[in-house]
N, C-alpha and C. Protein backbone atom coordinates (compact mmCIF):
# COMPACT_ATOMS: atom_id res chain seq x y z
N MET A 1 15.01 19.28 -5.39
CA MET A 1 13.76 18.68 -5.19
C MET A 1 14.15 17.17 -5.08
N ASN A 2 13.14 16.26 -3.66
CA ASN A 2 13.47 14.83 -3.53
C ASN A 2 12.36 14.35 -4.51
N ILE A 3 13.10 13.47 -5.32
CA ILE A 3 12.56 12.55 -6.40
C ILE A 3 13.06 11.28 -5.83
N HIS A 4 11.94 10.22 -6.06
CA HIS A 4 11.79 8.88 -5.95
C HIS A 4 11.42 8.63 -7.22
N ARG A 5 12.31 7.51 -7.43
CA ARG A 5 12.05 7.19 -8.78
C ARG A 5 12.09 5.43 -8.53
N PHE A 6 11.48 5.15 -9.08
CA PHE A 6 10.75 3.36 -9.58
C PHE A 6 10.70 2.86 -10.68
N GLU A 7 11.09 1.55 -11.25
CA GLU A 7 10.84 1.01 -12.09
C GLU A 7 9.85 -0.52 -11.72
N GLN A 8 8.99 -0.55 -12.64
CA GLN A 8 7.67 -1.51 -12.44
C GLN A 8 7.33 -2.23 -13.71
N THR A 9 7.39 -3.83 -13.95
CA THR A 9 7.27 -4.18 -15.26
C THR A 9 5.47 -4.81 -14.53
N ILE A 10 4.60 -4.50 -15.38
CA ILE A 10 3.31 -4.91 -15.44
C ILE A 10 3.03 -5.14 -17.03
N GLY A 11 2.62 -6.52 -16.98
CA GLY A 11 2.40 -7.06 -18.24
C GLY A 11 3.23 -7.04 -19.19
N GLY A 12 4.32 -7.33 -18.81
CA GLY A 12 5.90 -7.36 -19.70
C GLY A 12 5.85 -5.63 -20.28
N HIS A 13 5.49 -4.55 -19.63
CA HIS A 13 5.65 -3.26 -19.66
C HIS A 13 6.68 -2.64 -18.87
N LEU A 14 7.16 -2.39 -18.97
CA LEU A 14 8.35 -1.80 -17.89
C LEU A 14 7.95 -0.44 -18.18
N TYR A 15 7.42 0.19 -16.95
CA TYR A 15 6.94 1.66 -16.18
C TYR A 15 8.11 2.56 -15.51
N ASN A 16 8.53 3.42 -15.98
CA ASN A 16 9.69 4.52 -14.42
C ASN A 16 8.36 5.28 -14.04
N ILE A 17 8.90 5.23 -12.65
CA ILE A 17 7.84 6.11 -11.60
C ILE A 17 8.30 7.20 -10.96
N GLU A 18 8.01 8.46 -11.12
CA GLU A 18 8.68 9.15 -10.30
C GLU A 18 7.36 9.67 -9.73
N VAL A 19 8.01 9.60 -7.85
CA VAL A 19 7.64 10.31 -6.77
C VAL A 19 7.96 11.53 -6.55
N THR A 20 7.24 12.85 -6.14
CA THR A 20 7.69 13.69 -5.95
C THR A 20 7.11 14.30 -4.90
N PRO A 21 7.50 15.45 -3.86
CA PRO A 21 6.67 16.06 -2.93
C PRO A 21 5.82 17.26 -3.42
N SER A 22 4.64 17.10 -3.24
CA SER A 22 3.61 18.49 -3.59
C SER A 22 2.91 18.90 -2.19
N GLY A 23 3.46 19.90 -1.82
CA GLY A 23 2.66 20.10 -0.31
C GLY A 23 3.01 19.22 0.27
N ASP A 24 1.99 18.92 1.18
CA ASP A 24 1.91 18.11 2.72
C ASP A 24 1.71 16.56 1.94
N ARG A 25 1.71 15.92 0.50
CA ARG A 25 1.48 15.05 -0.06
C ARG A 25 2.78 14.13 -1.12
N TRP A 26 2.77 13.40 -1.33
CA TRP A 26 3.44 12.71 -2.42
C TRP A 26 2.43 12.65 -3.85
N ARG A 27 3.11 12.88 -5.06
CA ARG A 27 2.70 12.43 -5.94
C ARG A 27 3.07 11.67 -7.03
N ALA A 28 2.56 10.53 -7.17
CA ALA A 28 3.28 9.57 -8.22
C ALA A 28 2.87 9.73 -9.42
N GLN A 29 3.55 9.55 -10.51
CA GLN A 29 3.03 9.60 -12.02
C GLN A 29 4.02 9.05 -12.98
N LEU A 30 3.52 8.69 -13.99
CA LEU A 30 5.10 7.84 -15.21
C LEU A 30 5.93 8.74 -15.48
N HIS A 31 7.01 8.51 -15.38
CA HIS A 31 8.25 9.10 -15.72
C HIS A 31 7.96 10.03 -17.31
N ARG A 32 7.88 11.60 -17.54
CA ARG A 32 7.97 12.18 -19.01
C ARG A 32 9.08 12.18 -19.51
N ARG A 33 8.81 11.58 -20.78
CA ARG A 33 10.18 11.80 -21.75
C ARG A 33 10.27 12.69 -22.26
N PRO A 34 11.43 13.41 -22.39
CA PRO A 34 11.69 14.41 -23.46
C PRO A 34 10.52 14.59 -24.45
N GLY A 35 9.62 15.51 -24.59
CA GLY A 35 8.76 15.60 -26.06
C GLY A 35 7.50 14.72 -25.58
N ALA A 36 7.40 14.07 -25.38
CA ALA A 36 6.07 13.04 -24.94
C ALA A 36 5.38 13.46 -24.12
N LEU A 37 4.27 13.42 -24.33
CA LEU A 37 3.09 13.55 -24.05
C LEU A 37 2.36 12.56 -23.09
N THR A 38 1.74 13.36 -21.83
CA THR A 38 0.74 12.07 -21.10
C THR A 38 -0.37 12.31 -20.76
N ALA A 39 -1.25 11.35 -20.65
CA ALA A 39 -2.46 12.16 -20.50
C ALA A 39 -3.28 11.43 -19.16
N MET A 40 -2.03 10.99 -18.06
CA MET A 40 -2.32 10.08 -16.86
C MET A 40 -2.30 10.87 -16.07
N MET A 41 -3.55 10.48 -15.06
CA MET A 41 -3.34 11.44 -13.96
C MET A 41 -2.79 10.77 -12.76
N PRO A 42 -1.85 11.88 -12.10
CA PRO A 42 -1.08 11.53 -10.83
C PRO A 42 -1.99 10.92 -9.68
N PHE A 43 -0.93 10.34 -8.67
CA PHE A 43 -2.01 9.59 -7.67
C PHE A 43 -1.01 10.37 -6.87
N TYR A 44 -2.09 10.85 -5.61
CA TYR A 44 -1.45 11.49 -4.50
C TYR A 44 -1.68 10.09 -3.26
N ALA A 45 -0.76 10.46 -2.44
CA ALA A 45 -0.66 10.04 -0.98
C ALA A 45 0.07 10.39 -0.02
N GLY A 46 -0.15 9.85 1.08
CA GLY A 46 1.07 10.20 2.33
C GLY A 46 2.60 10.53 2.30
N THR A 47 2.81 8.59 1.65
CA THR A 47 3.99 8.92 1.86
C THR A 47 4.84 8.59 0.24
N PRO A 48 5.87 8.04 -0.14
CA PRO A 48 5.95 7.77 -1.33
C PRO A 48 5.82 6.34 -1.39
N GLN A 49 5.89 5.94 -0.78
CA GLN A 49 5.53 4.30 -1.23
C GLN A 49 4.09 4.09 -1.48
N GLU A 50 3.44 4.89 -0.97
CA GLU A 50 1.72 4.45 -0.95
C GLU A 50 1.55 5.28 -2.29
N ALA A 51 1.99 6.56 -2.57
CA ALA A 51 1.74 6.73 -4.12
C ALA A 51 1.89 6.09 -5.13
N PHE A 52 2.83 5.47 -5.05
CA PHE A 52 3.72 4.39 -6.08
C PHE A 52 2.98 3.34 -5.71
N GLN A 53 2.36 2.83 -4.55
CA GLN A 53 1.22 1.81 -4.64
C GLN A 53 0.12 1.78 -5.33
N MET A 54 -0.31 3.20 -5.63
CA MET A 54 -1.78 3.04 -5.64
C MET A 54 -1.75 3.62 -7.34
N LEU A 55 -0.40 4.14 -8.07
CA LEU A 55 -0.47 4.02 -9.26
C LEU A 55 -0.24 2.80 -10.01
N THR A 56 0.76 1.83 -9.31
CA THR A 56 0.97 0.37 -9.58
C THR A 56 -0.45 -0.12 -9.60
N GLN A 57 -1.20 0.01 -8.77
CA GLN A 57 -2.11 -0.77 -8.49
C GLN A 57 -3.12 -0.68 -9.80
N TRP A 58 -3.18 0.73 -10.13
CA TRP A 58 -4.36 1.22 -10.97
C TRP A 58 -3.83 0.78 -12.54
N LEU A 59 -2.58 0.43 -12.45
CA LEU A 59 -1.71 0.32 -13.92
C LEU A 59 -2.21 -1.23 -14.06
N THR A 60 -2.04 -1.53 -12.96
CA THR A 60 -2.51 -3.88 -12.98
C THR A 60 -3.58 -4.00 -13.66
N LEU A 61 -4.14 -3.26 -12.65
CA LEU A 61 -5.95 -3.36 -12.96
C LEU A 61 -6.08 -2.86 -14.19
N ALA A 62 -5.80 -1.79 -15.25
CA ALA A 62 -5.97 -1.44 -16.56
C ALA A 62 -5.53 -2.60 -17.17
N TYR A 63 -4.07 -2.89 -16.79
CA TYR A 63 -3.82 -4.13 -17.73
C TYR A 63 -4.63 -5.55 -17.87
N GLU A 64 -4.86 -5.99 -16.59
CA GLU A 64 -5.95 -6.91 -16.46
C GLU A 64 -7.47 -6.95 -17.70
N ARG A 65 -7.86 -5.45 -17.17
CA ARG A 65 -8.70 -5.06 -17.77
C ARG A 65 -9.27 -5.32 -19.21
N GLN A 66 -7.69 -4.79 -19.45
CA GLN A 66 -7.28 -5.09 -21.20
C GLN A 66 -7.17 -6.50 -21.40
N THR A 67 -6.49 -7.04 -21.27
CA THR A 67 -5.91 -8.73 -21.21
C THR A 67 -7.34 -8.93 -21.33
N ALA A 68 -8.56 -8.85 -20.24
CA ALA A 68 -9.97 -10.06 -20.18
C ALA A 68 -10.62 -9.74 -21.31
N ARG A 69 -10.50 -8.07 -21.47
CA ARG A 69 -11.60 -7.78 -22.93
C ARG A 69 -10.61 -8.43 -24.08
N ALA A 70 -9.39 -8.23 -24.21
CA ALA A 70 -8.76 -9.12 -25.62
C ALA A 70 -9.14 -10.63 -25.48
N SER A 71 -9.08 -11.08 -24.57
CA SER A 71 -9.50 -12.58 -24.48
C SER A 71 -10.95 -13.20 -24.92
N ALA A 72 -12.09 -12.27 -24.21
CA ALA A 72 -13.89 -11.86 -24.71
C ALA A 72 -13.40 -12.17 -26.07
N SER A 73 -12.74 -10.56 -26.74
CA SER A 73 -13.04 -10.35 -28.24
C SER A 73 -12.55 -11.86 -29.28
N ALA A 74 -11.27 -12.49 -28.61
CA ALA A 74 -11.29 -13.99 -29.52
C ALA A 74 -11.81 -14.97 -29.32
N LEU A 75 -12.32 -15.01 -28.06
CA LEU A 75 -13.27 -16.04 -28.10
C LEU A 75 -14.32 -15.80 -28.79
N THR A 76 -14.92 -14.86 -28.60
CA THR A 76 -15.68 -14.29 -29.78
C THR A 76 -15.72 -14.68 -30.77
N ALA A 77 -14.49 -14.11 -31.78
CA ALA A 77 -14.28 -14.46 -32.87
C ALA A 77 -14.17 -15.99 -33.36
N THR A 78 -13.82 -16.87 -32.46
CA THR A 78 -13.49 -18.50 -32.69
C THR A 78 -14.68 -19.18 -32.55
N ALA A 79 -16.11 -18.60 -32.08
CA ALA A 79 -16.91 -19.37 -31.38
C ALA A 79 -17.50 -19.77 -32.52
N PRO A 80 -17.60 -20.91 -32.50
CA PRO A 80 -19.06 -21.46 -33.83
C PRO A 80 -20.08 -20.83 -34.00
N THR A 81 -20.32 -20.75 -34.84
CA THR A 81 -21.78 -20.19 -35.37
C THR A 81 -22.69 -21.02 -35.72
N LEU A 82 -24.14 -20.80 -34.63
CA LEU A 82 -25.27 -21.81 -35.08
C LEU A 82 -25.83 -21.54 -35.98
N ALA A 83 -26.13 -22.97 -37.08
CA ALA A 83 -27.18 -22.59 -37.94
C ALA A 83 -28.33 -22.31 -37.96
N ARG A 84 -29.20 -21.67 -38.42
CA ARG A 84 -30.34 -21.15 -38.24
C ARG A 84 -31.07 -22.25 -38.91
N PRO A 85 -32.15 -22.64 -38.32
CA PRO A 85 -33.27 -23.44 -39.31
C PRO A 85 -33.79 -23.10 -40.35
N ALA A 86 -33.97 -23.57 -41.59
CA ALA A 86 -34.58 -22.94 -42.80
C ALA A 86 -36.22 -22.97 -42.52
N SER A 87 -36.67 -21.52 -42.61
CA SER A 87 -38.20 -21.47 -42.36
C SER A 87 -38.87 -22.37 -43.54
């Protein structure tokens, strides 16, 4: 089987990505370690490079969204509370 392997660092995490043929397309997915489960869907494209790029773009977007959400939570937690006037 023709397997393309890539390493990509996103958000400080190293991802091992495998791209394999699947019919007339290429399938990119995270490399599965023995005994480890993964729920991530694969990405399909016409070439190995396109499939790899689609998966890394999705991982980058997911990381950026998580970072933005964590930053917003931190800002909310540290924001000063406005006192309400006594009635």
